[in-house]
Amino acid sequence: MPETNYGVLIARPLESQMGTAGSPHYQIHVADSQGVHYRIAVNVLSQLKPYNLLYHIEDNFNYPITAELLKQQDGFTSIDKQNGINPNLAIDFIRSTIVEPEQMQPQQFTEIATESELNQFLQDRVKQAIADPEALIYAFGQRWGPEDSKPDQYFNFKPGNGIHNIHMNQGNSGKFASENGVWQDGALLIHLTGANKWIAIFLKFQSQSWKTDDNTGDPL
C-alpha cells in the first residue's frame, strides 16, 4: 500500500551529520519559521544487496515544480495526488519527466556512489545551504513524529520529528514491498536563494525495479 504521511518538508538547514556503516543515513537538522525543528534522514547505503545507491545530482535544476514550491509556506505540506491533495507537488521518477529518461542511463542517473562518496556529495551541497542565510531545503518523503516523549537521537531537540524515505518509493520487493506506491517518490531539493539556484538530488536503491504497476507501484 502507498506510504502514509507523504509530503514535502520546507525548512532552513542548521547542521548535519555524515552517515556511518552503523547508521547509514546522512542527517540534516532543519527548522521552520515557526521554530519547529525536524531531522531529515537521507539513505547513503541500502539494507539490501547491492548496498550502494544509484543517484542523480542536478546542480542547476530547472523544472516547473520549483515554481510550485515557492508558493508554499515552510513546514510540512501533505501530498496525495490520488486524492487531489497538492497534486502538482507529487514526484514520480517513472511517470514524470523530473528525471529525463536519458539521465537514467549508466553515465548519469545510474552512477553508483559508495557510502563515503554519497556522504560527501550531500555534505558539499548542504554546507552551501547552511552558509546561505536565506537558503531552504525541500525534502520529499514520509514524515514521522512529533514524538513528544523523547528528544531527537542525533540533534537532541525535542520533540523528535522529521522526514525519511528521501528516495524512490516504488519497485520494491520483499520486506519493503509495503512501501510501494505511485506519485510518492522522495527527493532532496535545495534553493540557494541568494544565487537563485536550485540543486536536486534523486536517489534509488539498486534493488528497486524501473518497471512498476501504474496503480500500485509494485515491480513488474
N, C-alpha and C. Protein backbone atom coordinates (compact mmCIF):
# COMPACT_ATOMS: atom_id res chain seq x y z
N MET A 1 0.85 -1.19 0.00
CA MET A 1 0.00 0.00 0.00
C MET A 1 0.89 1.24 0.00
N PRO A 2 0.36 2.37 -0.49
CA PRO A 2 1.18 3.59 -0.52
C PRO A 2 1.58 4.05 0.87
N GLU A 3 2.61 4.88 0.91
CA GLU A 3 3.06 5.44 2.18
C GLU A 3 1.99 6.36 2.77
N THR A 4 1.95 6.40 4.08
CA THR A 4 1.15 7.42 4.75
C THR A 4 2.06 8.61 5.05
N ASN A 5 1.46 9.78 5.17
CA ASN A 5 2.20 10.99 5.53
C ASN A 5 3.27 11.37 4.51
N TYR A 6 2.99 11.13 3.22
CA TYR A 6 3.90 11.61 2.18
C TYR A 6 3.72 13.11 2.02
N GLY A 7 4.83 13.79 1.82
CA GLY A 7 4.75 15.23 1.62
C GLY A 7 6.12 15.84 1.45
N VAL A 8 6.17 17.16 1.57
CA VAL A 8 7.43 17.89 1.43
C VAL A 8 7.64 18.74 2.67
N LEU A 9 8.83 18.66 3.21
CA LEU A 9 9.24 19.49 4.34
C LEU A 9 10.10 20.63 3.82
N ILE A 10 9.70 21.86 4.14
CA ILE A 10 10.42 23.05 3.72
C ILE A 10 10.96 23.73 4.97
N ALA A 11 12.28 23.86 5.06
CA ALA A 11 12.86 24.41 6.28
C ALA A 11 14.28 24.88 6.04
N ARG A 12 14.79 25.60 7.02
CA ARG A 12 16.14 26.17 6.96
C ARG A 12 17.14 25.18 7.55
N PRO A 13 18.21 24.84 6.81
CA PRO A 13 19.21 23.91 7.35
C PRO A 13 20.07 24.57 8.42
N LEU A 14 20.33 23.82 9.49
CA LEU A 14 21.11 24.33 10.62
C LEU A 14 22.44 23.61 10.79
N GLU A 15 22.43 22.28 10.68
CA GLU A 15 23.63 21.47 10.87
C GLU A 15 23.39 20.11 10.24
N SER A 16 24.47 19.32 10.15
CA SER A 16 24.34 18.00 9.53
C SER A 16 25.32 17.03 10.16
N GLN A 17 25.06 15.73 9.93
CA GLN A 17 25.97 14.67 10.37
C GLN A 17 26.10 13.66 9.24
N MET A 18 27.33 13.22 9.01
CA MET A 18 27.59 12.22 7.98
C MET A 18 27.07 10.86 8.45
N GLY A 19 26.62 10.04 7.49
CA GLY A 19 26.23 8.68 7.81
C GLY A 19 27.44 7.80 8.05
N THR A 20 27.22 6.69 8.74
CA THR A 20 28.27 5.72 9.01
C THR A 20 27.74 4.32 8.69
N ALA A 21 28.61 3.33 8.71
CA ALA A 21 28.18 1.96 8.45
C ALA A 21 27.13 1.52 9.47
N GLY A 22 27.28 1.96 10.71
CA GLY A 22 26.33 1.60 11.74
C GLY A 22 25.06 2.42 11.72
N SER A 23 25.10 3.57 11.07
CA SER A 23 23.95 4.47 10.96
C SER A 23 23.96 5.06 9.55
N PRO A 24 23.48 4.28 8.56
CA PRO A 24 23.70 4.63 7.16
C PRO A 24 22.75 5.68 6.59
N HIS A 25 22.61 6.79 7.30
CA HIS A 25 21.82 7.92 6.83
C HIS A 25 22.62 9.21 7.04
N TYR A 26 22.55 10.09 6.05
CA TYR A 26 23.07 11.44 6.20
C TYR A 26 21.96 12.24 6.89
N GLN A 27 22.28 12.86 8.01
CA GLN A 27 21.27 13.52 8.84
C GLN A 27 21.38 15.04 8.70
N ILE A 28 20.23 15.70 8.53
CA ILE A 28 20.19 17.16 8.42
C ILE A 28 19.21 17.71 9.45
N HIS A 29 19.68 18.62 10.27
CA HIS A 29 18.84 19.30 11.27
C HIS A 29 18.33 20.59 10.64
N VAL A 30 17.01 20.75 10.59
CA VAL A 30 16.40 21.93 9.99
C VAL A 30 15.34 22.49 10.93
N ALA A 31 14.94 23.73 10.68
CA ALA A 31 13.87 24.36 11.45
C ALA A 31 13.07 25.27 10.54
N ASP A 32 11.75 25.36 10.81
CA ASP A 32 10.92 26.25 10.01
C ASP A 32 10.78 27.61 10.70
N SER A 33 10.05 28.52 10.09
CA SER A 33 9.95 29.88 10.60
C SER A 33 9.14 29.97 11.89
N GLN A 34 8.41 28.91 12.23
CA GLN A 34 7.65 28.88 13.48
C GLN A 34 8.47 28.30 14.63
N GLY A 35 9.73 27.97 14.34
CA GLY A 35 10.58 27.42 15.38
C GLY A 35 10.43 25.93 15.60
N VAL A 36 9.75 25.24 14.68
CA VAL A 36 9.61 23.78 14.78
C VAL A 36 10.84 23.13 14.16
N HIS A 37 11.46 22.21 14.90
CA HIS A 37 12.67 21.55 14.45
C HIS A 37 12.35 20.17 13.88
N TYR A 38 13.13 19.78 12.88
CA TYR A 38 12.95 18.49 12.22
C TYR A 38 14.33 17.90 11.90
N ARG A 39 14.33 16.58 11.66
CA ARG A 39 15.53 15.91 11.14
C ARG A 39 15.18 15.26 9.81
N ILE A 40 16.02 15.49 8.81
CA ILE A 40 15.89 14.83 7.51
C ILE A 40 16.91 13.69 7.47
N ALA A 41 16.44 12.46 7.27
CA ALA A 41 17.31 11.28 7.23
C ALA A 41 17.40 10.79 5.79
N VAL A 42 18.59 10.89 5.21
CA VAL A 42 18.81 10.54 3.80
C VAL A 42 19.67 9.28 3.73
N ASN A 43 19.16 8.22 3.12
CA ASN A 43 19.93 6.98 3.00
C ASN A 43 21.21 7.20 2.21
N VAL A 44 22.31 6.66 2.71
CA VAL A 44 23.56 6.63 1.95
C VAL A 44 24.00 5.19 1.70
N LEU A 45 23.21 4.22 2.17
CA LEU A 45 23.52 2.81 1.99
C LEU A 45 22.20 2.04 2.06
N SER A 46 22.08 0.98 1.28
CA SER A 46 20.88 0.15 1.29
C SER A 46 21.01 -0.98 2.30
N GLN A 47 19.86 -1.44 2.81
CA GLN A 47 19.85 -2.63 3.66
C GLN A 47 19.90 -3.91 2.84
N LEU A 48 19.63 -3.79 1.53
CA LEU A 48 19.61 -4.95 0.65
C LEU A 48 20.74 -4.86 -0.36
N LYS A 49 21.25 -6.00 -0.79
CA LYS A 49 22.26 -6.02 -1.84
C LYS A 49 21.62 -5.67 -3.17
N PRO A 50 22.36 -5.01 -4.05
CA PRO A 50 23.66 -4.33 -3.86
C PRO A 50 23.48 -3.12 -2.93
N TYR A 51 24.42 -2.90 -2.04
CA TYR A 51 24.24 -1.94 -0.96
C TYR A 51 24.39 -0.48 -1.39
N ASN A 52 25.22 -0.18 -2.38
CA ASN A 52 25.44 1.21 -2.78
C ASN A 52 24.27 1.74 -3.60
N LEU A 53 23.94 3.01 -3.41
CA LEU A 53 22.79 3.61 -4.06
C LEU A 53 23.11 4.14 -5.45
N LEU A 54 22.07 4.24 -6.27
CA LEU A 54 22.13 4.96 -7.53
C LEU A 54 21.72 6.40 -7.24
N TYR A 55 22.29 7.33 -8.01
CA TYR A 55 21.96 8.73 -7.73
C TYR A 55 22.01 9.55 -9.01
N HIS A 56 21.31 10.67 -8.98
CA HIS A 56 21.48 11.72 -9.99
C HIS A 56 21.43 13.05 -9.25
N ILE A 57 22.45 13.86 -9.43
CA ILE A 57 22.51 15.19 -8.81
C ILE A 57 22.50 16.24 -9.91
N GLU A 58 21.56 17.15 -9.82
CA GLU A 58 21.43 18.24 -10.79
C GLU A 58 21.76 19.54 -10.07
N ASP A 59 22.93 20.11 -10.39
CA ASP A 59 23.38 21.31 -9.67
C ASP A 59 22.78 22.60 -10.20
N ASN A 60 22.11 22.54 -11.34
CA ASN A 60 21.37 23.70 -11.86
C ASN A 60 20.00 23.20 -12.29
N PHE A 61 19.20 22.85 -11.31
CA PHE A 61 17.91 22.21 -11.54
C PHE A 61 16.89 23.23 -12.01
N ASN A 62 16.18 22.89 -13.09
CA ASN A 62 15.16 23.78 -13.66
C ASN A 62 13.97 22.93 -14.06
N TYR A 63 12.88 23.03 -13.31
CA TYR A 63 11.71 22.19 -13.55
C TYR A 63 10.50 22.92 -12.97
N PRO A 64 9.30 22.75 -13.57
CA PRO A 64 8.13 23.50 -13.11
C PRO A 64 7.80 23.36 -11.63
N ILE A 65 8.20 22.26 -11.01
CA ILE A 65 7.86 22.07 -9.60
C ILE A 65 8.47 23.15 -8.72
N THR A 66 9.57 23.76 -9.15
CA THR A 66 10.20 24.78 -8.31
C THR A 66 9.28 25.99 -8.14
N ALA A 67 8.57 26.36 -9.20
CA ALA A 67 7.63 27.48 -9.10
C ALA A 67 6.50 27.16 -8.13
N GLU A 68 6.05 25.91 -8.14
CA GLU A 68 5.00 25.49 -7.21
C GLU A 68 5.52 25.51 -5.77
N LEU A 69 6.76 25.09 -5.59
CA LEU A 69 7.33 25.05 -4.24
C LEU A 69 7.46 26.44 -3.65
N LEU A 70 7.78 27.42 -4.48
CA LEU A 70 7.94 28.79 -3.98
C LEU A 70 6.63 29.38 -3.47
N LYS A 71 5.51 28.77 -3.84
CA LYS A 71 4.20 29.24 -3.37
C LYS A 71 3.84 28.68 -1.99
N GLN A 72 4.59 27.69 -1.54
CA GLN A 72 4.24 27.00 -0.30
C GLN A 72 4.83 27.69 0.92
N GLN A 73 4.12 27.61 2.03
CA GLN A 73 4.68 28.04 3.31
C GLN A 73 5.68 26.99 3.78
N ASP A 74 6.61 27.42 4.63
CA ASP A 74 7.55 26.43 5.15
C ASP A 74 6.86 25.54 6.18
N GLY A 75 7.59 24.52 6.65
CA GLY A 75 6.99 23.48 7.46
C GLY A 75 6.65 22.29 6.58
N PHE A 76 5.81 21.38 7.08
CA PHE A 76 5.46 20.17 6.33
C PHE A 76 4.15 20.36 5.59
N THR A 77 4.15 20.00 4.29
CA THR A 77 2.96 20.06 3.45
C THR A 77 2.62 18.66 2.97
N SER A 78 1.41 18.19 3.25
CA SER A 78 0.99 16.86 2.82
C SER A 78 0.74 16.84 1.32
N ILE A 79 1.04 15.69 0.71
CA ILE A 79 0.82 15.48 -0.73
C ILE A 79 0.13 14.13 -0.91
N ASP A 80 -0.97 14.12 -1.67
CA ASP A 80 -1.66 12.87 -2.03
C ASP A 80 -2.31 13.09 -3.39
N LYS A 81 -1.57 12.78 -4.43
CA LYS A 81 -2.06 13.05 -5.79
C LYS A 81 -3.34 12.30 -6.09
N GLN A 82 -3.44 11.06 -5.58
CA GLN A 82 -4.61 10.24 -5.88
C GLN A 82 -5.89 10.86 -5.34
N ASN A 83 -5.77 11.62 -4.25
CA ASN A 83 -6.94 12.24 -3.63
C ASN A 83 -6.98 13.75 -3.80
N GLY A 84 -6.17 14.27 -4.73
CA GLY A 84 -6.23 15.67 -5.08
C GLY A 84 -5.63 16.62 -4.07
N ILE A 85 -4.75 16.12 -3.19
CA ILE A 85 -4.11 16.99 -2.20
C ILE A 85 -2.74 17.41 -2.72
N ASN A 86 -2.62 18.67 -3.09
CA ASN A 86 -1.38 19.22 -3.65
C ASN A 86 -0.79 18.33 -4.75
N PRO A 87 -1.60 17.96 -5.74
CA PRO A 87 -1.12 17.03 -6.78
C PRO A 87 0.05 17.56 -7.59
N ASN A 88 0.16 18.88 -7.71
CA ASN A 88 1.25 19.46 -8.51
C ASN A 88 2.62 19.30 -7.84
N LEU A 89 2.62 18.88 -6.58
CA LEU A 89 3.88 18.71 -5.85
C LEU A 89 4.35 17.26 -5.83
N ALA A 90 3.51 16.33 -6.27
CA ALA A 90 3.85 14.91 -6.20
C ALA A 90 4.98 14.58 -7.17
N ILE A 91 5.88 13.69 -6.74
CA ILE A 91 7.03 13.28 -7.55
C ILE A 91 6.92 11.80 -7.88
N ASP A 92 7.15 11.48 -9.15
CA ASP A 92 7.22 10.09 -9.60
C ASP A 92 8.34 10.01 -10.63
N PHE A 93 9.40 9.27 -10.31
CA PHE A 93 10.55 9.18 -11.21
C PHE A 93 10.18 8.57 -12.56
N ILE A 94 9.20 7.67 -12.55
CA ILE A 94 8.87 6.90 -13.75
C ILE A 94 7.79 7.58 -14.58
N ARG A 95 6.82 8.22 -13.94
CA ARG A 95 5.65 8.75 -14.64
C ARG A 95 5.70 10.25 -14.87
N SER A 96 6.84 10.85 -14.67
CA SER A 96 7.02 12.27 -14.97
C SER A 96 8.36 12.44 -15.67
N THR A 97 8.68 13.66 -16.00
CA THR A 97 9.97 13.95 -16.65
C THR A 97 10.91 14.68 -15.69
N ILE A 98 10.66 14.57 -14.39
CA ILE A 98 11.52 15.27 -13.43
C ILE A 98 12.95 14.77 -13.53
N VAL A 99 13.10 13.50 -13.88
CA VAL A 99 14.40 12.95 -14.25
C VAL A 99 14.22 12.41 -15.66
N GLU A 100 14.92 13.00 -16.64
CA GLU A 100 14.73 12.61 -18.02
C GLU A 100 15.22 11.18 -18.25
N PRO A 101 14.56 10.45 -19.18
CA PRO A 101 14.98 9.07 -19.44
C PRO A 101 16.46 8.92 -19.76
N GLU A 102 17.02 9.87 -20.51
CA GLU A 102 18.44 9.74 -20.85
C GLU A 102 19.33 9.90 -19.62
N GLN A 103 18.81 10.53 -18.57
CA GLN A 103 19.60 10.65 -17.34
C GLN A 103 19.60 9.35 -16.55
N MET A 104 18.76 8.41 -16.97
CA MET A 104 18.67 7.14 -16.28
C MET A 104 19.61 6.10 -16.89
N GLN A 105 20.42 6.50 -17.84
CA GLN A 105 21.40 5.61 -18.42
C GLN A 105 22.62 5.53 -17.50
N PRO A 106 23.49 4.55 -17.72
CA PRO A 106 24.60 4.33 -16.78
C PRO A 106 25.48 5.54 -16.53
N GLN A 107 25.62 6.43 -17.51
CA GLN A 107 26.55 7.53 -17.30
C GLN A 107 25.98 8.61 -16.40
N GLN A 108 24.67 8.59 -16.14
CA GLN A 108 24.13 9.67 -15.32
C GLN A 108 23.37 9.14 -14.11
N PHE A 109 22.05 8.94 -14.24
CA PHE A 109 21.29 8.60 -13.04
C PHE A 109 21.83 7.35 -12.37
N THR A 110 22.27 6.38 -13.16
CA THR A 110 22.69 5.13 -12.56
C THR A 110 24.16 5.11 -12.18
N GLU A 111 24.76 6.27 -11.98
CA GLU A 111 26.05 6.29 -11.31
C GLU A 111 25.88 5.69 -9.91
N ILE A 112 26.84 4.91 -9.50
CA ILE A 112 26.76 4.25 -8.21
C ILE A 112 27.76 4.90 -7.26
N ALA A 113 27.27 5.34 -6.12
CA ALA A 113 28.14 6.00 -5.15
C ALA A 113 28.42 5.08 -3.98
N THR A 114 29.66 5.01 -3.55
CA THR A 114 29.94 4.35 -2.29
C THR A 114 29.36 5.20 -1.17
N GLU A 115 29.27 4.59 0.00
CA GLU A 115 28.72 5.31 1.16
C GLU A 115 29.48 6.61 1.41
N SER A 116 30.81 6.55 1.37
CA SER A 116 31.60 7.75 1.67
C SER A 116 31.43 8.80 0.58
N GLU A 117 31.33 8.37 -0.69
CA GLU A 117 31.15 9.32 -1.79
C GLU A 117 29.80 10.03 -1.68
N LEU A 118 28.74 9.28 -1.44
CA LEU A 118 27.42 9.88 -1.35
C LEU A 118 27.33 10.81 -0.15
N ASN A 119 27.91 10.41 0.96
CA ASN A 119 28.02 11.32 2.11
C ASN A 119 28.64 12.65 1.70
N GLN A 120 29.74 12.58 0.96
CA GLN A 120 30.46 13.79 0.59
C GLN A 120 29.68 14.63 -0.41
N PHE A 121 29.01 13.96 -1.37
CA PHE A 121 28.18 14.70 -2.33
C PHE A 121 27.11 15.50 -1.58
N LEU A 122 26.47 14.86 -0.62
CA LEU A 122 25.43 15.54 0.17
C LEU A 122 26.03 16.65 1.02
N GLN A 123 27.13 16.34 1.68
CA GLN A 123 27.78 17.32 2.57
C GLN A 123 28.16 18.58 1.82
N ASP A 124 28.74 18.43 0.64
CA ASP A 124 29.17 19.59 -0.14
C ASP A 124 28.02 20.54 -0.42
N ARG A 125 26.86 19.97 -0.73
CA ARG A 125 25.72 20.80 -1.13
C ARG A 125 24.95 21.33 0.08
N VAL A 126 24.82 20.53 1.10
CA VAL A 126 24.13 21.00 2.30
C VAL A 126 24.93 22.11 2.98
N LYS A 127 26.25 22.00 2.97
CA LYS A 127 27.08 23.06 3.55
C LYS A 127 26.90 24.38 2.81
N GLN A 128 26.70 24.32 1.49
CA GLN A 128 26.40 25.54 0.74
C GLN A 128 25.12 26.18 1.27
N ALA A 129 24.12 25.33 1.54
CA ALA A 129 22.84 25.84 2.02
C ALA A 129 22.96 26.42 3.43
N ILE A 130 23.72 25.76 4.29
CA ILE A 130 23.90 26.28 5.65
C ILE A 130 24.60 27.64 5.62
N ALA A 131 25.51 27.80 4.66
CA ALA A 131 26.27 29.06 4.56
C ALA A 131 25.44 30.21 3.99
N ASP A 132 24.33 29.90 3.32
CA ASP A 132 23.45 30.92 2.74
C ASP A 132 22.32 31.19 3.73
N PRO A 133 22.27 32.36 4.35
CA PRO A 133 21.28 32.61 5.41
C PRO A 133 19.84 32.57 4.94
N GLU A 134 19.61 32.59 3.63
CA GLU A 134 18.25 32.56 3.12
C GLU A 134 17.90 31.24 2.44
N ALA A 135 18.83 30.31 2.40
CA ALA A 135 18.59 29.05 1.70
C ALA A 135 17.55 28.20 2.41
N LEU A 136 16.81 27.42 1.63
CA LEU A 136 15.83 26.48 2.16
C LEU A 136 16.07 25.10 1.56
N ILE A 137 15.76 24.09 2.34
CA ILE A 137 15.78 22.71 1.87
C ILE A 137 14.34 22.23 1.71
N TYR A 138 14.09 21.51 0.63
CA TYR A 138 12.79 20.93 0.33
C TYR A 138 12.98 19.42 0.29
N ALA A 139 12.53 18.73 1.32
CA ALA A 139 12.74 17.28 1.42
C ALA A 139 11.41 16.56 1.20
N PHE A 140 11.36 15.74 0.15
CA PHE A 140 10.17 14.95 -0.17
C PHE A 140 10.35 13.56 0.42
N GLY A 141 9.33 13.08 1.13
CA GLY A 141 9.42 11.75 1.71
C GLY A 141 8.27 11.51 2.66
N GLN A 142 8.51 10.68 3.65
CA GLN A 142 7.48 10.29 4.61
C GLN A 142 7.78 10.89 5.98
N ARG A 143 6.82 11.60 6.50
CA ARG A 143 7.02 12.26 7.80
C ARG A 143 6.85 11.28 8.96
N TRP A 144 7.62 11.51 10.02
CA TRP A 144 7.35 10.84 11.29
C TRP A 144 7.27 11.90 12.39
N GLY A 145 6.64 11.51 13.50
CA GLY A 145 6.55 12.40 14.65
C GLY A 145 5.40 13.40 14.51
N PRO A 146 5.33 14.35 15.46
CA PRO A 146 6.28 14.54 16.56
C PRO A 146 6.18 13.46 17.63
N GLU A 147 7.35 13.13 18.21
CA GLU A 147 7.46 12.13 19.25
C GLU A 147 7.62 12.85 20.59
N ASP A 148 6.52 13.13 21.23
CA ASP A 148 6.52 14.02 22.40
C ASP A 148 7.35 13.50 23.56
N SER A 149 7.52 12.19 23.65
CA SER A 149 8.15 11.63 24.84
C SER A 149 9.66 11.56 24.78
N LYS A 150 10.26 11.88 23.62
CA LYS A 150 11.72 11.73 23.55
C LYS A 150 12.34 12.77 22.62
N PRO A 151 13.58 13.16 22.91
CA PRO A 151 14.30 14.10 22.04
C PRO A 151 14.82 13.39 20.80
N ASP A 152 15.21 14.16 19.82
CA ASP A 152 15.81 13.59 18.62
C ASP A 152 17.12 12.91 18.98
N GLN A 153 17.35 11.73 18.41
CA GLN A 153 18.51 10.93 18.80
C GLN A 153 19.83 11.45 18.25
N TYR A 154 19.79 12.34 17.26
CA TYR A 154 21.02 12.87 16.68
C TYR A 154 21.30 14.31 17.11
N PHE A 155 20.28 15.14 17.13
CA PHE A 155 20.49 16.57 17.38
C PHE A 155 19.89 17.05 18.71
N ASN A 156 19.21 16.15 19.40
CA ASN A 156 18.76 16.38 20.77
C ASN A 156 17.67 17.44 20.92
N PHE A 157 17.06 17.90 19.83
CA PHE A 157 15.92 18.80 20.00
C PHE A 157 14.70 17.96 20.41
N LYS A 158 13.71 18.63 20.96
CA LYS A 158 12.53 17.93 21.45
C LYS A 158 11.29 18.71 21.06
N PRO A 159 10.23 18.02 20.57
CA PRO A 159 10.12 16.57 20.39
C PRO A 159 10.81 16.08 19.13
N GLY A 160 11.16 14.78 19.11
CA GLY A 160 11.69 14.18 17.90
C GLY A 160 10.68 14.31 16.77
N ASN A 161 11.16 14.59 15.56
CA ASN A 161 10.27 15.00 14.48
C ASN A 161 11.07 14.99 13.19
N GLY A 162 10.51 14.52 12.09
CA GLY A 162 11.30 14.58 10.88
C GLY A 162 10.68 13.89 9.68
N ILE A 163 11.54 13.60 8.70
CA ILE A 163 11.10 13.02 7.44
C ILE A 163 12.19 12.08 6.93
N HIS A 164 11.76 10.95 6.35
CA HIS A 164 12.71 9.99 5.80
C HIS A 164 12.15 9.44 4.49
N ASN A 165 12.73 8.35 3.99
CA ASN A 165 12.38 7.79 2.68
C ASN A 165 12.58 8.84 1.58
N ILE A 166 13.76 9.47 1.61
CA ILE A 166 14.10 10.53 0.65
C ILE A 166 14.73 9.85 -0.58
N HIS A 167 13.94 8.96 -1.19
CA HIS A 167 14.43 8.16 -2.32
C HIS A 167 13.23 7.64 -3.09
N MET A 168 13.45 6.92 -4.18
CA MET A 168 12.34 6.32 -4.92
C MET A 168 11.58 5.39 -4.00
N ASN A 169 10.25 5.45 -4.04
CA ASN A 169 9.41 4.66 -3.14
C ASN A 169 8.43 3.78 -3.92
N GLN A 170 8.97 3.06 -4.89
CA GLN A 170 8.20 2.09 -5.67
C GLN A 170 9.19 1.07 -6.22
N GLY A 171 8.66 -0.02 -6.77
CA GLY A 171 9.53 -1.04 -7.35
C GLY A 171 10.23 -1.92 -6.33
N ASN A 172 9.76 -1.88 -5.08
CA ASN A 172 10.36 -2.71 -4.03
C ASN A 172 9.78 -4.11 -4.02
N SER A 173 10.62 -5.09 -3.71
CA SER A 173 10.17 -6.46 -3.47
C SER A 173 10.46 -6.82 -2.02
N GLY A 174 9.91 -7.96 -1.59
CA GLY A 174 10.23 -8.46 -0.26
C GLY A 174 9.71 -7.58 0.85
N LYS A 175 10.54 -7.36 1.87
CA LYS A 175 10.06 -6.72 3.09
C LYS A 175 9.71 -5.24 2.91
N PHE A 176 10.17 -4.63 1.82
CA PHE A 176 9.85 -3.22 1.59
C PHE A 176 8.71 -3.03 0.58
N ALA A 177 8.09 -4.13 0.13
CA ALA A 177 7.02 -4.03 -0.86
C ALA A 177 5.83 -3.22 -0.34
N SER A 178 5.63 -3.22 0.97
CA SER A 178 4.50 -2.49 1.54
C SER A 178 4.63 -0.98 1.38
N GLU A 179 5.84 -0.51 1.04
CA GLU A 179 6.06 0.93 0.87
C GLU A 179 5.80 1.41 -0.56
N ASN A 180 5.47 0.47 -1.46
CA ASN A 180 5.28 0.83 -2.86
C ASN A 180 4.05 1.70 -3.07
N GLY A 181 4.15 2.60 -4.02
CA GLY A 181 3.03 3.42 -4.44
C GLY A 181 3.49 4.29 -5.60
N VAL A 182 2.55 4.95 -6.27
CA VAL A 182 2.90 5.85 -7.37
C VAL A 182 2.75 7.28 -6.89
N TRP A 183 3.49 8.18 -7.52
CA TRP A 183 3.46 9.61 -7.19
C TRP A 183 3.75 9.85 -5.70
N GLN A 184 4.78 9.16 -5.21
CA GLN A 184 5.18 9.35 -3.81
C GLN A 184 6.69 9.17 -3.66
N ASP A 185 7.45 9.48 -4.70
CA ASP A 185 8.90 9.33 -4.61
C ASP A 185 9.52 10.46 -3.81
N GLY A 186 10.62 10.14 -3.16
CA GLY A 186 11.34 11.13 -2.38
C GLY A 186 12.40 11.84 -3.19
N ALA A 187 12.82 12.98 -2.71
CA ALA A 187 13.89 13.76 -3.36
C ALA A 187 14.35 14.83 -2.38
N LEU A 188 15.53 15.35 -2.62
CA LEU A 188 16.06 16.45 -1.81
C LEU A 188 16.39 17.61 -2.73
N LEU A 189 15.69 18.73 -2.55
CA LEU A 189 15.94 19.94 -3.33
C LEU A 189 16.48 21.02 -2.40
N ILE A 190 17.41 21.79 -2.91
CA ILE A 190 18.00 22.89 -2.15
C ILE A 190 17.84 24.16 -2.98
N HIS A 191 17.30 25.21 -2.37
CA HIS A 191 17.19 26.50 -3.05
C HIS A 191 18.17 27.47 -2.40
N LEU A 192 19.23 27.79 -3.15
CA LEU A 192 20.18 28.80 -2.70
C LEU A 192 19.61 30.14 -3.11
N THR A 193 18.88 30.75 -2.21
CA THR A 193 18.06 31.91 -2.55
C THR A 193 18.91 33.08 -3.04
N GLY A 194 20.05 33.30 -2.41
CA GLY A 194 20.89 34.42 -2.81
C GLY A 194 21.33 34.35 -4.26
N ALA A 195 21.62 33.15 -4.72
CA ALA A 195 22.06 32.95 -6.10
C ALA A 195 20.90 32.55 -7.01
N ASN A 196 19.69 32.41 -6.43
CA ASN A 196 18.52 31.91 -7.15
C ASN A 196 18.87 30.63 -7.92
N LYS A 197 19.47 29.71 -7.21
CA LYS A 197 19.93 28.46 -7.80
C LYS A 197 19.28 27.29 -7.08
N TRP A 198 18.82 26.31 -7.85
CA TRP A 198 18.24 25.10 -7.30
C TRP A 198 19.19 23.93 -7.53
N ILE A 199 19.30 23.08 -6.52
CA ILE A 199 20.05 21.82 -6.60
C ILE A 199 19.06 20.70 -6.31
N ALA A 200 19.10 19.63 -7.11
CA ALA A 200 18.20 18.49 -6.89
C ALA A 200 19.02 17.21 -6.75
N ILE A 201 18.63 16.39 -5.80
CA ILE A 201 19.30 15.11 -5.54
C ILE A 201 18.24 14.01 -5.56
N PHE A 202 18.42 13.05 -6.47
CA PHE A 202 17.50 11.94 -6.62
C PHE A 202 18.24 10.64 -6.31
N LEU A 203 17.63 9.79 -5.49
CA LEU A 203 18.27 8.55 -5.05
C LEU A 203 17.37 7.35 -5.32
N LYS A 204 18.01 6.22 -5.61
CA LYS A 204 17.28 4.98 -5.88
C LYS A 204 18.13 3.80 -5.43
N PHE A 205 17.48 2.80 -4.85
CA PHE A 205 18.18 1.57 -4.49
C PHE A 205 18.33 0.69 -5.73
N GLN A 206 19.47 0.02 -5.85
CA GLN A 206 19.68 -0.86 -6.99
C GLN A 206 18.69 -2.02 -7.01
N SER A 207 18.16 -2.38 -5.85
CA SER A 207 17.21 -3.49 -5.76
C SER A 207 15.81 -3.11 -6.25
N GLN A 208 15.55 -1.83 -6.50
CA GLN A 208 14.23 -1.38 -6.95
C GLN A 208 14.12 -1.49 -8.46
N SER A 209 12.95 -1.93 -8.92
CA SER A 209 12.70 -2.08 -10.35
C SER A 209 12.33 -0.74 -10.99
N TRP A 210 12.80 -0.54 -12.24
CA TRP A 210 12.41 0.64 -13.01
C TRP A 210 11.03 0.48 -13.63
N LYS A 211 10.52 -0.76 -13.69
CA LYS A 211 9.21 -1.01 -14.29
C LYS A 211 8.23 -1.35 -13.17
N THR A 212 7.21 -0.51 -13.01
CA THR A 212 6.27 -0.71 -11.91
C THR A 212 4.83 -0.54 -12.39
N ASP A 213 3.91 -1.14 -11.65
CA ASP A 213 2.49 -1.07 -11.94
C ASP A 213 1.98 0.36 -11.77
N ASP A 214 1.16 0.82 -12.72
CA ASP A 214 0.70 2.21 -12.70
C ASP A 214 -0.25 2.52 -11.55
N ASN A 215 -0.80 1.50 -10.91
CA ASN A 215 -1.71 1.73 -9.80
C ASN A 215 -1.08 1.47 -8.45
N THR A 216 -0.26 0.43 -8.36
CA THR A 216 0.27 0.01 -7.07
C THR A 216 1.73 0.39 -6.84
N GLY A 217 2.48 0.63 -7.93
CA GLY A 217 3.91 0.86 -7.79
C GLY A 217 4.71 -0.41 -7.56
N ASP A 218 4.04 -1.57 -7.62
CA ASP A 218 4.75 -2.84 -7.44
C ASP A 218 5.58 -3.16 -8.68
N PRO A 219 6.69 -3.88 -8.51
CA PRO A 219 7.54 -4.21 -9.67
C PRO A 219 6.81 -5.12 -10.64
N LEU A 220 7.10 -4.93 -11.93
CA LEU A 220 6.52 -5.78 -12.97
C LEU A 220 7.55 -6.79 -13.45
